[in-house]
Amino acid sequence: MVKTYSKARDGDTQLAPNFRLSEFIADCSLPCCASNDEILLDERLPRLLQRIREVAGNRPVSVTSGYRNAAHNTRIGGAPNSMHTRGMAADITVSGVTPFDVCRAAETALAEAKIPGGICLYTQQSFVHVDTRDIKWRGQNDGDGRGERNVSGWTPMPAPEVPTPSAAQDAGNDKIIWDFFSAKNTFTPQGIAGLMGNLYAESGLLPMNLENKYEKELAMTDAQYTAAVDSGAYANFARDSAGYGLAQWTFWARKEALLTYARSTNRSIGDLQMQLEFLWIELQSYEKVMNTLRNTSSMLAASNIVLTEFERPADMGSNVQERRAEYGQGYYDKFAGQGSAQPTTQQAGGYNIRVTGAPLNIRTGPGTDHPVSGQIMDNGIYTVIQDADGPGASKWGKIKAGQDGAQSGWISLDHAARV
């Protein structure tokens, strides 16, 4: 259902775990938008984008264009009956994910929500249009002047086996876990976040999580398995090789020790606090892990030491390392700061620059340590709305979305001149 919101009153409204209403408001100070306080938005759209984020590996989603009033839509050359004008569409990029794979994640999310919807891949501009229309439509725009052409669609992306992050966030588990390790006064913030990123990758931060394939093999849900272990009706907990709990304990000796500790404290095998206490005890015997988490200021180092020395899954390749470090960075940003680079100035009206070194990468954050999310292909004029320091340039600037097809993001101001 499409709802009407007030930009001034409702801008900070949380519509999904990772999306606020303000993200769907056009970044435009011209009269066509500045004087219009009304925002239309289909309440299904933020939930759809949340699921796309989760299916795509919990990578951050940037909305480069959301709701547009008719005047704004005309000004930027949008289709006359654009779904954006009805509050039913968003143009998005996903950090570290190709637009092609964003389309695959969108296919999965729409199918799960039972929404026919629209998806359009903009290959040259590197973004994806997603909408909640009632008739299925799939399109592609190659930037060759022919506009959108119909395509058959994309193969859905398999949903991740771990629970979605919203489940753990709704339960408040991430804050509980952060506070537990912070109270130990032992690990650096990066150390805690790196550990949590791995725990999320293993279990979604849900202490009753039973490895998915064993849910099928044992014909039990997470809750049923937990209750059966607690009651003694299921006596093969230690030896069944099923991953379980925050760290997805699997090896028989570790599961046996976990069960012994739970029973010695008279708590459920799925109790979050009990598992955190057991995890802390276990970590004491991993000297390399402890030393790194005590001293590191590197998210990747913290994440990798837990990955390679404590969790040791079958796949420890570079993609897994990068993904787990990104999970950790999310927890660091939420509880300890705003990442490796901080905005230093923010002008109310911004200022204009002309790109002098196209093609110029657009990044998700201020620094070459952030993924590339797009490119500026011309030496056009853009509006910078925020400055920041960061690696790889003397100064970074965040540009507005929608100008000459560019998406919002950060560019090196070393390749631009103020006008």
Protein backbone atom coordinates (compact mmCIF):
# COMPACT_ATOMS: atom_id res chain seq x y z
CA MET A 1 0.00 0.00 0.00
CA VAL A 2 1.28 3.47 -0.91
CA LYS A 3 1.36 5.83 2.06
CA THR A 4 1.71 9.60 2.23
CA TYR A 5 4.44 11.00 4.50
CA SER A 6 5.69 14.43 5.48
CA LYS A 7 9.31 15.12 4.59
CA ALA A 8 9.74 17.41 7.62
CA ARG A 9 7.84 15.29 10.13
CA ASP A 10 8.63 11.74 9.03
CA GLY A 11 12.09 11.94 7.45
CA ASP A 12 13.75 10.01 10.28
CA THR A 13 11.11 7.25 10.36
CA GLN A 14 12.65 3.77 10.31
CA LEU A 15 10.87 1.73 7.61
CA ALA A 16 13.09 -1.37 7.70
CA PRO A 17 16.13 -2.34 9.81
CA ASN A 18 18.52 -0.57 7.42
CA PHE A 19 16.27 2.01 5.74
CA ARG A 20 14.80 5.34 6.81
CA LEU A 21 12.24 7.42 4.92
CA SER A 22 14.88 10.11 4.24
CA GLU A 23 16.72 7.72 1.89
CA PHE A 24 13.76 7.78 -0.51
CA ILE A 25 13.52 11.60 -0.65
CA ALA A 26 14.99 13.34 -3.68
CA ASP A 27 18.19 15.24 -2.88
CA CYS A 28 17.04 18.44 -4.56
CA SER A 29 16.96 22.04 -3.26
CA LEU A 30 15.16 23.50 -6.28
CA PRO A 31 11.60 24.87 -5.87
CA CYS A 32 10.10 21.75 -7.48
CA CYS A 33 11.11 19.79 -4.38
CA ALA A 34 11.96 22.33 -1.66
CA SER A 35 8.39 23.63 -1.47
CA ASN A 36 6.80 20.17 -1.56
CA ASP A 37 6.63 18.38 1.79
CA GLU A 38 4.64 15.36 0.57
CA ILE A 39 6.34 12.01 0.04
CA LEU A 40 4.62 8.94 -1.40
CA LEU A 41 6.03 5.50 -0.68
CA ASP A 42 4.82 1.94 -1.07
CA GLU A 43 5.35 0.37 2.34
CA ARG A 44 6.53 -2.83 0.63
CA LEU A 45 9.47 -1.10 -1.07
CA PRO A 46 11.78 -0.62 1.97
CA ARG A 47 11.15 -4.22 3.00
CA LEU A 48 11.96 -5.36 -0.52
CA LEU A 49 15.26 -3.46 -0.48
CA GLN A 50 16.04 -4.88 2.96
CA ARG A 51 15.68 -8.37 1.56
CA ILE A 52 17.80 -7.52 -1.49
CA ARG A 53 20.50 -6.37 0.93
CA GLU A 54 20.29 -9.63 2.86
CA VAL A 55 20.26 -11.90 -0.19
CA ALA A 56 23.25 -10.00 -1.61
CA GLY A 57 25.32 -10.87 1.46
CA ASN A 58 24.19 -8.07 3.79
CA ARG A 59 25.97 -5.50 1.64
CA PRO A 60 24.90 -1.84 2.06
CA VAL A 61 22.26 -0.66 -0.41
CA SER A 62 22.34 2.95 -1.65
CA VAL A 63 19.12 4.47 -2.99
CA THR A 64 20.23 6.82 -5.75
CA SER A 65 16.69 7.82 -6.68
CA GLY A 66 13.48 7.14 -4.76
CA TYR A 67 10.26 9.15 -4.76
CA ARG A 68 10.03 11.96 -7.31
CA ASN A 69 7.23 14.47 -7.55
CA ALA A 70 6.03 15.19 -11.08
CA ALA A 71 8.05 18.40 -11.47
CA HIS A 72 11.29 16.77 -10.30
CA ASN A 73 10.65 13.76 -12.50
CA THR A 74 10.21 16.01 -15.55
CA ARG A 75 13.33 18.02 -14.73
CA ILE A 76 15.58 14.95 -14.72
CA GLY A 77 13.97 13.44 -17.81
CA GLY A 78 12.06 10.62 -16.13
CA ALA A 79 9.30 8.69 -17.93
CA PRO A 80 5.96 10.56 -17.66
CA ASN A 81 4.26 7.73 -15.76
CA SER A 82 7.35 6.64 -13.83
CA MET A 83 6.83 4.33 -10.89
CA HIS A 84 9.04 6.79 -8.98
CA THR A 85 6.23 9.37 -9.07
CA ARG A 86 3.93 6.86 -7.36
CA GLY A 87 6.40 6.03 -4.60
CA MET A 88 6.76 2.49 -5.92
CA ALA A 89 10.33 2.50 -7.26
CA ALA A 90 13.95 2.93 -6.26
CA ASP A 91 17.18 3.04 -8.25
CA ILE A 92 19.85 1.28 -6.23
CA THR A 93 23.46 0.17 -6.05
CA VAL A 94 24.81 -2.44 -3.66
CA SER A 95 28.30 -2.07 -2.24
CA GLY A 96 30.69 -4.63 -3.70
CA VAL A 97 28.00 -6.34 -5.81
CA THR A 98 27.77 -6.11 -9.60
CA PRO A 99 24.54 -4.65 -11.02
CA PHE A 100 23.92 -8.01 -12.71
CA ASP A 101 23.97 -9.76 -9.32
CA VAL A 102 21.79 -7.02 -7.82
CA CYS A 103 19.20 -7.99 -10.45
CA ARG A 104 19.52 -11.62 -9.36
CA ALA A 105 19.03 -10.64 -5.71
CA ALA A 106 16.01 -8.55 -6.70
CA GLU A 107 14.48 -11.55 -8.52
CA THR A 108 14.81 -13.56 -5.31
CA ALA A 109 13.36 -10.82 -3.13
CA LEU A 110 10.37 -10.16 -5.41
CA ALA A 111 9.61 -13.88 -5.68
CA GLU A 112 9.73 -14.31 -1.90
CA ALA A 113 7.41 -11.32 -1.42
CA LYS A 114 5.08 -12.59 -4.18
CA ILE A 115 5.31 -9.23 -5.96
CA PRO A 116 5.48 -9.35 -9.80
CA GLY A 117 7.42 -6.09 -9.83
CA GLY A 118 9.82 -4.47 -12.24
CA ILE A 119 13.60 -4.75 -12.58
CA CYS A 120 15.72 -2.82 -15.06
CA LEU A 121 19.50 -3.12 -15.41
CA TYR A 122 21.27 0.09 -16.46
CA THR A 123 24.55 -1.35 -17.67
CA GLN A 124 26.41 1.87 -18.53
CA GLN A 125 25.32 3.80 -15.45
CA SER A 126 25.83 0.78 -13.16
CA PHE A 127 22.59 0.86 -11.21
CA VAL A 128 19.39 -1.19 -11.00
CA HIS A 129 15.80 0.03 -11.01
CA VAL A 130 13.43 -1.98 -8.79
CA ASP A 131 9.70 -1.39 -8.38
CA THR A 132 6.58 -2.96 -6.88
CA ARG A 133 4.22 -2.82 -9.89
CA ASP A 134 1.50 -5.44 -10.17
CA ILE A 135 2.56 -6.70 -13.61
CA LYS A 136 5.92 -8.38 -14.06
CA TRP A 137 8.41 -6.43 -16.18
CA ARG A 138 12.10 -6.98 -16.80
CA GLY A 139 14.21 -4.55 -18.81
CA GLN A 140 17.72 -3.46 -19.70
CA ASN A 141 19.17 -0.10 -20.76
CA ASP A 142 22.62 -0.19 -22.34
CA GLY A 143 22.99 3.59 -22.68
CA ASP A 144 22.95 3.37 -26.48
CA GLY A 145 20.01 5.72 -26.97
CA ARG A 146 17.48 2.94 -27.51
CA GLY A 147 16.06 3.19 -24.01
CA GLU A 148 14.76 0.23 -22.06
CA ARG A 149 14.31 -3.02 -23.94
CA ASN A 150 12.45 -6.04 -22.64
CA VAL A 151 14.48 -9.00 -21.40
CA SER A 152 13.46 -12.34 -19.95
CA GLY A 153 14.94 -11.65 -16.51
CA TRP A 154 17.72 -13.02 -14.35
CA THR A 155 18.36 -16.28 -12.53
CA PRO A 156 17.39 -15.72 -8.89
CA MET A 157 20.27 -15.54 -6.43
CA PRO A 158 20.14 -18.29 -3.77
CA ALA A 159 19.12 -16.88 -0.43
CA PRO A 160 21.85 -17.06 2.24
CA GLU A 161 21.72 -20.01 4.60
CA VAL A 162 22.26 -17.87 7.69
CA PRO A 163 19.27 -16.02 9.19
CA THR A 164 18.69 -12.47 8.03
CA PRO A 165 20.33 -9.72 10.09
CA SER A 166 16.99 -8.15 10.87
CA ALA A 167 16.10 -11.15 13.03
CA ALA A 168 19.11 -10.69 15.27
CA GLN A 169 18.69 -6.91 15.32
CA ASP A 170 15.04 -7.21 16.26
CA ALA A 171 16.09 -9.38 19.18
CA GLY A 172 18.78 -6.88 20.19
CA ASN A 173 21.43 -9.59 20.05
CA ASP A 174 24.02 -7.42 18.33
CA LYS A 175 23.95 -4.86 21.19
CA ILE A 176 24.03 -7.58 23.84
CA ILE A 177 27.06 -9.21 22.21
CA TRP A 178 28.88 -5.91 21.75
CA ASP A 179 28.25 -4.94 25.39
CA PHE A 180 29.37 -8.35 26.65
CA PHE A 181 32.80 -8.11 25.02
CA SER A 182 33.15 -4.38 25.71
CA ALA A 183 32.66 -5.06 29.41
CA LYS A 184 35.69 -7.39 29.35
CA ASN A 185 37.92 -4.35 28.57
CA THR A 186 40.18 -6.70 26.63
CA PHE A 187 39.60 -6.34 22.88
CA THR A 188 39.90 -3.24 20.74
CA PRO A 189 36.65 -2.05 19.10
CA GLN A 190 37.97 -3.47 15.82
CA GLY A 191 38.65 -6.76 17.61
CA ILE A 192 35.10 -7.00 18.92
CA ALA A 193 33.62 -6.03 15.56
CA GLY A 194 35.82 -8.50 13.67
CA LEU A 195 34.70 -11.29 15.99
CA MET A 196 31.05 -10.28 15.61
CA GLY A 197 31.32 -10.20 11.82
CA ASN A 198 32.39 -13.83 11.89
CA LEU A 199 29.64 -14.79 14.33
CA TYR A 200 27.11 -13.14 12.05
CA ALA A 201 28.47 -15.04 9.04
CA GLU A 202 28.16 -18.28 10.97
CA SER A 203 24.80 -17.87 12.66
CA GLY A 204 23.20 -14.49 12.01
CA LEU A 205 23.89 -13.82 15.74
CA LEU A 206 21.07 -16.22 16.64
CA PRO A 207 22.08 -18.60 19.46
CA MET A 208 19.47 -21.24 18.59
CA ASN A 209 20.54 -21.43 14.95
CA LEU A 210 20.81 -25.01 13.71
CA GLU A 211 22.75 -25.52 10.49
CA ASN A 212 20.16 -25.44 7.72
CA LYS A 213 20.89 -28.79 6.12
CA TYR A 214 20.40 -30.50 9.49
CA GLU A 215 17.01 -28.85 9.91
CA LYS A 216 16.03 -30.90 6.86
CA GLU A 217 17.90 -34.07 7.83
CA LEU A 218 16.58 -34.08 11.40
CA ALA A 219 13.17 -32.62 10.47
CA MET A 220 13.45 -30.10 13.30
CA THR A 221 13.35 -26.32 13.44
CA ASP A 222 15.88 -24.35 15.47
CA ALA A 223 13.45 -24.15 18.38
CA GLN A 224 12.48 -27.84 18.21
CA TYR A 225 16.11 -28.96 18.16
CA THR A 226 16.97 -26.69 21.09
CA ALA A 227 14.01 -27.94 23.14
CA ALA A 228 14.83 -31.58 22.39
CA VAL A 229 18.45 -31.13 23.52
CA ASP A 230 17.35 -29.31 26.67
CA SER A 231 14.84 -32.01 27.62
CA GLY A 232 17.18 -34.89 26.83
CA ALA A 233 14.81 -36.23 24.16
CA TYR A 234 17.60 -35.73 21.63
CA ALA A 235 20.77 -37.33 22.99
CA ASN A 236 23.09 -37.01 19.99
CA PHE A 237 23.90 -33.29 20.27
CA ALA A 238 27.65 -33.69 20.61
CA ARG A 239 28.10 -36.33 17.89
CA ASP A 240 25.64 -35.32 15.16
CA SER A 241 28.12 -33.01 13.32
CA ALA A 242 25.44 -30.31 13.04
CA GLY A 243 26.62 -26.72 13.36
CA TYR A 244 24.79 -24.99 16.22
CA GLY A 245 24.70 -21.68 18.02
CA LEU A 246 26.50 -18.36 17.67
CA ALA A 247 29.78 -19.88 16.50
CA GLN A 248 28.14 -22.85 14.76
CA TRP A 249 29.99 -25.27 17.02
CA THR A 250 30.37 -28.52 15.06
CA PHE A 251 33.30 -30.64 16.32
CA TRP A 252 32.10 -33.18 18.86
CA ALA A 253 34.46 -32.17 21.67
CA ARG A 254 33.51 -28.51 21.44
CA LYS A 255 29.79 -29.31 21.33
CA GLU A 256 30.17 -31.66 24.26
CA ALA A 257 31.93 -28.92 26.24
CA LEU A 258 29.18 -26.45 25.32
CA LEU A 259 26.48 -28.86 26.49
CA THR A 260 28.35 -29.59 29.72
CA TYR A 261 28.68 -25.87 30.46
CA ALA A 262 24.98 -25.23 29.73
CA ARG A 263 23.91 -28.01 32.09
CA SER A 264 26.38 -26.94 34.78
CA THR A 265 24.81 -23.48 34.79
CA ASN A 266 21.27 -24.85 34.50
CA ARG A 267 20.51 -22.95 31.31
CA SER A 268 19.21 -23.80 27.86
CA ILE A 269 21.69 -24.88 25.20
CA GLY A 270 20.29 -21.97 23.16
CA ASP A 271 20.71 -19.30 25.84
CA LEU A 272 22.59 -16.29 24.43
CA GLN A 273 24.35 -15.26 27.64
CA MET A 274 25.45 -18.83 28.32
CA GLN A 275 26.93 -19.14 24.83
CA LEU A 276 28.78 -15.84 25.21
CA GLU A 277 30.28 -17.01 28.50
CA PHE A 278 31.32 -20.32 26.92
CA LEU A 279 32.75 -18.53 23.89
CA TRP A 280 34.83 -16.30 26.18
CA ILE A 281 36.17 -19.37 27.99
CA GLU A 282 37.01 -21.04 24.68
CA LEU A 283 38.83 -18.02 23.34
CA GLN A 284 41.31 -18.09 26.22
CA SER A 285 42.97 -21.16 24.69
CA TYR A 286 43.45 -19.42 21.31
CA GLU A 287 46.50 -17.31 22.10
CA LYS A 288 47.02 -15.91 18.59
CA VAL A 289 43.36 -14.90 18.35
CA MET A 290 43.38 -13.24 21.76
CA ASN A 291 46.60 -11.33 21.08
CA THR A 292 45.33 -10.01 17.76
CA LEU A 293 41.93 -8.97 19.08
CA ARG A 294 43.62 -7.23 22.02
CA ASN A 295 45.92 -5.10 19.89
CA THR A 296 44.67 -4.67 16.34
CA SER A 297 43.26 -1.50 14.81
CA SER A 298 42.67 -3.32 11.50
CA MET A 299 39.22 -4.69 10.78
CA LEU A 300 40.60 -7.15 8.23
CA ALA A 301 43.25 -8.45 10.64
CA ALA A 302 40.68 -8.91 13.41
CA SER A 303 38.23 -10.65 11.13
CA ASN A 304 40.83 -12.88 9.49
CA ILE A 305 42.36 -14.13 12.75
CA VAL A 306 38.93 -15.30 13.90
CA LEU A 307 38.20 -16.78 10.48
CA THR A 308 41.46 -18.68 10.05
CA GLU A 309 42.33 -19.64 13.63
CA PHE A 310 38.99 -20.01 15.40
CA GLU A 311 36.12 -20.66 13.00
CA ARG A 312 38.11 -22.34 10.19
CA PRO A 313 35.27 -22.99 7.69
CA ALA A 314 35.98 -24.97 4.53
CA ASP A 315 36.17 -21.80 2.43
CA MET A 316 38.57 -19.16 3.77
CA GLY A 317 39.30 -17.50 0.42
CA SER A 318 39.61 -13.79 -0.32
CA ASN A 319 35.90 -13.35 -1.02
CA VAL A 320 35.00 -14.83 2.35
CA GLN A 321 37.62 -12.68 4.07
CA GLU A 322 36.30 -9.53 2.44
CA ARG A 323 32.67 -10.34 3.20
CA ARG A 324 33.30 -11.10 6.88
CA ALA A 325 35.39 -7.97 7.33
CA GLU A 326 32.51 -5.95 5.84
CA TYR A 327 30.11 -7.49 8.33
CA GLY A 328 32.52 -6.49 11.08
CA GLN A 329 32.79 -2.97 9.71
CA GLY A 330 29.01 -2.69 9.96
CA TYR A 331 29.10 -3.47 13.68
CA TYR A 332 32.04 -1.13 14.19
CA ASP A 333 30.16 1.68 12.45
CA LYS A 334 27.05 1.02 14.51
CA PHE A 335 28.64 0.79 17.96
CA ALA A 336 32.07 2.43 17.84
CA GLY A 337 32.11 5.08 15.14
CA GLN A 338 31.52 5.74 11.49
CA GLY A 339 34.24 3.75 9.79
CA SER A 340 37.79 4.58 8.82
CA ALA A 341 37.16 8.10 7.55
CA GLN A 342 35.05 10.83 9.10
CA PRO A 343 33.31 13.70 7.29
CA THR A 344 35.10 16.93 8.12
CA THR A 345 32.67 19.49 6.69
CA GLN A 346 29.12 19.61 5.47
CA GLN A 347 27.76 22.63 3.65
CA ALA A 348 24.04 23.33 3.69
CA GLY A 349 23.87 24.21 0.00
CA GLY A 350 26.95 22.39 -1.18
CA TYR A 351 29.17 23.67 -3.97
CA ASN A 352 29.78 22.83 -7.61
CA ILE A 353 32.83 21.17 -9.11
CA ARG A 354 33.83 20.24 -12.63
CA VAL A 355 35.38 16.81 -13.14
CA THR A 356 38.81 17.16 -14.77
CA GLY A 357 39.88 13.52 -14.92
CA ALA A 358 37.08 11.34 -16.33
CA PRO A 359 36.49 8.47 -16.11
CA LEU A 360 36.41 8.95 -12.33
CA ASN A 361 35.43 6.25 -9.86
CA ILE A 362 32.52 6.79 -7.49
CA ARG A 363 33.02 5.00 -4.18
CA THR A 364 30.69 4.07 -1.32
CA GLY A 365 32.80 6.00 1.19
CA PRO A 366 35.63 8.55 1.36
CA GLY A 367 38.76 6.58 0.50
CA THR A 368 40.24 3.96 -1.77
CA ASP A 369 39.52 1.42 0.98
CA HIS A 370 35.81 1.66 0.05
CA PRO A 371 34.38 -0.28 -2.93
CA VAL A 372 33.79 1.32 -6.32
CA SER A 373 30.04 1.69 -6.92
CA GLY A 374 30.06 3.49 -10.26
CA GLN A 375 31.90 5.89 -12.55
CA ILE A 376 31.59 9.42 -13.89
CA MET A 377 32.25 9.17 -17.61
CA ASP A 378 32.29 12.88 -18.54
CA ASN A 379 33.93 16.11 -17.40
CA GLY A 380 30.62 17.54 -16.26
CA ILE A 381 29.60 19.73 -13.33
CA TYR A 382 28.43 18.10 -10.11
CA THR A 383 27.36 19.31 -6.68
CA VAL A 384 29.44 18.27 -3.66
CA ILE A 385 27.37 18.11 -0.48
CA GLN A 386 30.01 16.81 1.92
CA ASP A 387 33.79 16.74 2.31
CA ALA A 388 35.92 14.13 4.06
CA ASP A 389 39.49 13.03 4.52
CA GLY A 390 40.40 9.51 3.47
CA PRO A 391 43.17 7.39 1.95
CA GLY A 392 44.08 7.79 -1.69
CA ALA A 393 43.32 11.50 -2.14
CA SER A 394 44.01 14.82 -0.47
CA LYS A 395 40.25 15.34 -0.10
CA TRP A 396 37.08 13.41 -0.95
CA GLY A 397 33.67 14.83 -1.85
CA LYS A 398 30.20 13.28 -1.79
CA ILE A 399 28.23 14.21 -4.90
CA LYS A 400 24.49 14.43 -5.35
CA ALA A 401 22.71 11.74 -7.30
CA GLY A 402 20.85 12.23 -10.55
CA GLN A 403 23.20 14.59 -12.33
CA ASP A 404 23.94 13.41 -15.87
CA GLY A 405 23.11 9.89 -14.74
CA ALA A 406 25.61 9.83 -11.87
CA GLN A 407 24.73 8.08 -8.65
CA SER A 408 25.38 9.51 -5.22
CA GLY A 409 28.77 8.60 -3.80
CA TRP A 410 32.30 9.76 -3.03
CA ILE A 411 34.87 10.97 -5.56
CA SER A 412 38.46 12.12 -5.30
CA LEU A 413 38.53 15.92 -5.46
CA ASP A 414 42.09 15.72 -6.79
CA HIS A 415 40.45 15.11 -10.17
CA ALA A 416 37.98 17.99 -9.97
CA ALA A 417 38.05 21.80 -9.90
CA ARG A 418 35.69 24.02 -7.94
CA VAL A 419 33.49 26.25 -10.11
